[in-house]
Amino acid sequence: MTKNKEPFSINSHQSLLHPCIGTCTIDDNSGYCFGCSRTEEEVYKWEEANTTQEWKDKLLEELKRRDTEY
């Protein structure tokens, strides 16, 4: 298990709809966060100013599928 250096605060997200629940621990086997099912790359991309809402919406749909598989 790999903990992020600086966990994200739920209040740090610019979007009102986001998958973070404040757990921020990446599973070494799957590469997914135990809390939100995102990869570390997806967590950081979500926070980038140039990340589109379209990308976020698609990821949210992917996370629904991923959560049932994981």
C-alpha atoms as a PDB file:
ATOM      1  CA  MET A   1       0.000   0.000   0.000  1.00  0.00           C
ATOM      2  CA  THR A   2       1.339   3.424  -0.923  1.00  0.00           C
ATOM      3  CA  LYS A   3       0.087   6.523   0.862  1.00  0.00           C
ATOM      4  CA  ASN A   4       0.083   9.775  -1.063  1.00  0.00           C
ATOM      5  CA  LYS A   5       2.524  12.333   0.267  1.00  0.00           C
ATOM      6  CA  GLU A   6      -0.191  14.946   0.674  1.00  0.00           C
ATOM      7  CA  PRO A   7      -3.718  13.551   0.794  1.00  0.00           C
ATOM      8  CA  PHE A   8      -6.321  15.670  -0.889  1.00  0.00           C
ATOM      9  CA  SER A   9      -8.871  17.372   1.265  1.00  0.00           C
ATOM     10  CA  ILE A  10     -12.434  17.008   0.111  1.00  0.00           C
ATOM     11  CA  ASN A  11     -12.605  20.802   0.360  1.00  0.00           C
ATOM     12  CA  SER A  12      -9.645  21.196  -2.019  1.00  0.00           C
ATOM     13  CA  HIS A  13     -11.623  20.060  -5.061  1.00  0.00           C
ATOM     14  CA  GLN A  14     -12.832  22.734  -7.440  1.00  0.00           C
ATOM     15  CA  SER A  15     -15.718  20.650  -8.733  1.00  0.00           C
ATOM     16  CA  LEU A  16     -18.691  20.022  -6.483  1.00  0.00           C
ATOM     17  CA  LEU A  17     -18.936  16.476  -7.835  1.00  0.00           C
ATOM     18  CA  HIS A  18     -15.752  14.543  -7.235  1.00  0.00           C
ATOM     19  CA  PRO A  19     -14.886  10.980  -6.261  1.00  0.00           C
ATOM     20  CA  CYS A  20     -12.515  11.751  -3.377  1.00  0.00           C
ATOM     21  CA  ILE A  21     -13.604  10.602   0.083  1.00  0.00           C
ATOM     22  CA  GLY A  22     -10.351  11.571   1.802  1.00  0.00           C
ATOM     23  CA  THR A  23      -8.834   8.070   2.071  1.00  0.00           C
ATOM     24  CA  CYS A  24      -6.008   8.649  -0.445  1.00  0.00           C
ATOM     25  CA  THR A  25      -4.261   5.285  -0.188  1.00  0.00           C
ATOM     26  CA  ILE A  26      -3.175   3.519  -3.379  1.00  0.00           C
ATOM     27  CA  ASP A  27      -3.373  -0.272  -3.501  1.00  0.00           C
ATOM     28  CA  ASP A  28      -0.012  -1.623  -4.700  1.00  0.00           C
ATOM     29  CA  ASN A  29      -1.657  -4.552  -6.517  1.00  0.00           C
ATOM     30  CA  SER A  30      -4.358  -2.763  -8.497  1.00  0.00           C
ATOM     31  CA  GLY A  31      -2.908   0.764  -8.588  1.00  0.00           C
ATOM     32  CA  TYR A  32      -6.294   2.141  -7.536  1.00  0.00           C
ATOM     33  CA  CYS A  33      -7.060   4.317  -4.527  1.00  0.00           C
ATOM     34  CA  PHE A  34      -8.969   2.423  -1.831  1.00  0.00           C
ATOM     35  CA  GLY A  35     -11.263   5.427  -1.384  1.00  0.00           C
ATOM     36  CA  CYS A  36     -12.130   6.585  -4.888  1.00  0.00           C
ATOM     37  CA  SER A  37     -10.816   3.843  -7.221  1.00  0.00           C
ATOM     38  CA  ARG A  38      -8.714   6.327  -9.216  1.00  0.00           C
ATOM     39  CA  THR A  39      -5.088   5.839 -10.146  1.00  0.00           C
ATOM     40  CA  GLU A  40      -2.566   8.279  -8.721  1.00  0.00           C
ATOM     41  CA  GLU A  41      -2.263   9.847 -12.187  1.00  0.00           C
ATOM     42  CA  GLU A  42      -6.039  10.345 -12.356  1.00  0.00           C
ATOM     43  CA  VAL A  43      -6.076  11.926  -8.882  1.00  0.00           C
ATOM     44  CA  TYR A  44      -3.517  14.537  -9.907  1.00  0.00           C
ATOM     45  CA  LYS A  45      -5.009  15.125 -13.360  1.00  0.00           C
ATOM     46  CA  TRP A  46      -8.400  15.846 -11.741  1.00  0.00           C
ATOM     47  CA  GLU A  47      -6.805  18.765  -9.876  1.00  0.00           C
ATOM     48  CA  GLU A  48      -5.112  20.330 -12.924  1.00  0.00           C
ATOM     49  CA  ALA A  49      -6.680  23.601 -14.039  1.00  0.00           C
ATOM     50  CA  ASN A  50      -6.831  22.522 -17.695  1.00  0.00           C
ATOM     51  CA  THR A  51      -8.674  19.243 -17.032  1.00  0.00           C
ATOM     52  CA  THR A  52     -12.070  19.459 -18.708  1.00  0.00           C
ATOM     53  CA  GLN A  53     -15.393  18.654 -17.129  1.00  0.00           C
ATOM     54  CA  GLU A  54     -15.927  16.225 -20.011  1.00  0.00           C
ATOM     55  CA  TRP A  55     -12.845  14.234 -18.912  1.00  0.00           C
ATOM     56  CA  LYS A  56     -14.079  14.245 -15.315  1.00  0.00           C
ATOM     57  CA  ASP A  57     -17.550  13.076 -16.336  1.00  0.00           C
ATOM     58  CA  LYS A  58     -16.078  10.213 -18.376  1.00  0.00           C
ATOM     59  CA  LEU A  59     -13.838   9.224 -15.477  1.00  0.00           C
ATOM     60  CA  LEU A  60     -16.790   9.229 -13.080  1.00  0.00           C
ATOM     61  CA  GLU A  61     -18.565   6.770 -15.399  1.00  0.00           C
ATOM     62  CA  GLU A  62     -15.413   4.628 -15.598  1.00  0.00           C
ATOM     63  CA  LEU A  63     -15.135   4.646 -11.805  1.00  0.00           C
ATOM     64  CA  LYS A  64     -18.657   3.212 -11.512  1.00  0.00           C
ATOM     65  CA  ARG A  65     -17.585   0.270 -13.679  1.00  0.00           C
ATOM     66  CA  ARG A  66     -14.210  -0.008 -11.960  1.00  0.00           C
ATOM     67  CA  ASP A  67     -15.775  -0.038  -8.517  1.00  0.00           C
ATOM     68  CA  THR A  68     -17.899  -3.076  -9.392  1.00  0.00           C
ATOM     69  CA  GLU A  69     -14.855  -4.917 -10.784  1.00  0.00           C
ATOM     70  CA  TYR A  70     -12.505  -4.002  -7.927  1.00  0.00           C
END
